[in-house]
Amino acid sequence: MLVENKSIAIVGAGPGGLTLARLLQLKNANVKVYERDLNKNARVQGSPLDMHEGSGMAAIRSAGLLDEFKKNYRPGADRMLIVNEHAEIIFTDHETKPDEDFGNKNFRPEIDRGPLRNMLLESLKPETVIWDSHFIAMEPKNGGWQLHFKNGFSAYADIVIAADGANSKIRPYLTDLKPIYSGILMLEGNVYNAEKTAPHIKELIRDGKIMAFGTHKNLLMGQKGSGDLGFYASFRTNENWAKESGLDFSDQMQILEWFKKEYAEWSSIWYELFENASAPFIPRPIYFIPLNQSWETKPNLTLLGDAAHVMPPFAGEGANMAMLDALELSECLTSDRFTTLEEAISYYEIQMRQRAAEATKESLENGDRMHSEKALDNMLEFFSSH
């Protein structure tokens, strides 16, 4: 095995990094995961993830975690409503979609990010994850890398794998190519205890998700297992909108007034979200990596997930691609088909970049449909054809 007697550092404890650690440990590889969070409970986890059969679910099966996944996923959370600006239901699959259909390529079970992360963490050997490890720099040493962290800690690894997200601090060690702004921004809000604080939306969403389409603008939302509700106002604007808008994102009423003005033709039913959201709101400009990216392979360093190929969320492929990256990279690093680490990593990177380019293209096309003048008609046609 190519990684026998090699120390492997994975930087980032998201779905991709933790999946890779699990898969490598199943092959008895020596792995540490370095994560900037202080502990596993330090970060508020985002919107639920839908796992796709050929990527996220394939990785979960290979990691031997299908039974655990079935204990933690949320049956019915993948059910969806498409509505117009006035919350009138145009499409629903609530009555036709089964609770469970594992193995079907069209079944996309939803799981909250917290339970997914905990499931992966619990599958690892004790002390695999080194918390409070905010990566700041590294330099070559003895054929590997000496990594340095903000808390003053340093560590050596023969192989470094960047799983540190869209703003990866390790990516520049491989390539100067940077993400490009897509032209779309998503303003994130979270409503806690939605049954009491947003009862009308809670009744409408029915523990699933809603996609509301207007002219060039959307509201996208999903119910979390905790009873909370995450939502996004999604619209086209310039990259520096958050700074130039003059808005105070910690001021609930100011953001509500902004919504009333910018979404003027939308029903007042949506005000419930903004009136009861927990501040601050988070503006998230949406970026993507150019489809033709490339770099020179190194025998001791590679990337996965958003660090390698950040993409818009409009095809639900981000976490799935990261977990498939983990699956394919683990197979390459532990396979006998390659004679050198450089050959194994090169093969992985070529396949990964091609897959990511296809997923990014799909995400960009979906984003265009969702933010077009006839977004509702376009998305109805899209779902009908699928």
Foldseek 3Di string as FASTA:
>chain_A
DQQVVFEEEEEALALLSLLLQLLLVVVVGHAAYEYQAQDLPRDDFDDKAWAFQVFRVVSCVSSVNPVVVVVFFDFQQAWEFEAELALHTDDTCSVPDGRDDPPDRPHTIIGTRSSSSVSSVVSHDPNRYDYNFAWDDWDDDPCEIWTAGPVGDIDTGNAYEYPPAQPTPCLVVWDPFHWDFLQKKKWKWKFPQCCPQQVVVCVSQVQYWYWYAAALWIKTKGAHPNNMIMIITMGGDDPCCVVVVPDDQQDLVSVLVVCCVVVVVGHCSCSSRSNRTHDRIDMGGAIWTDLPDDTQFDLRYYYAFSSLIRAACLVSCRSRLSSNLSVQLSCLSSDPPDDGSSVSVVVSSVVSSNVSSVVRVVSSVSSCLRRHRPNSVSVVVVVVVD
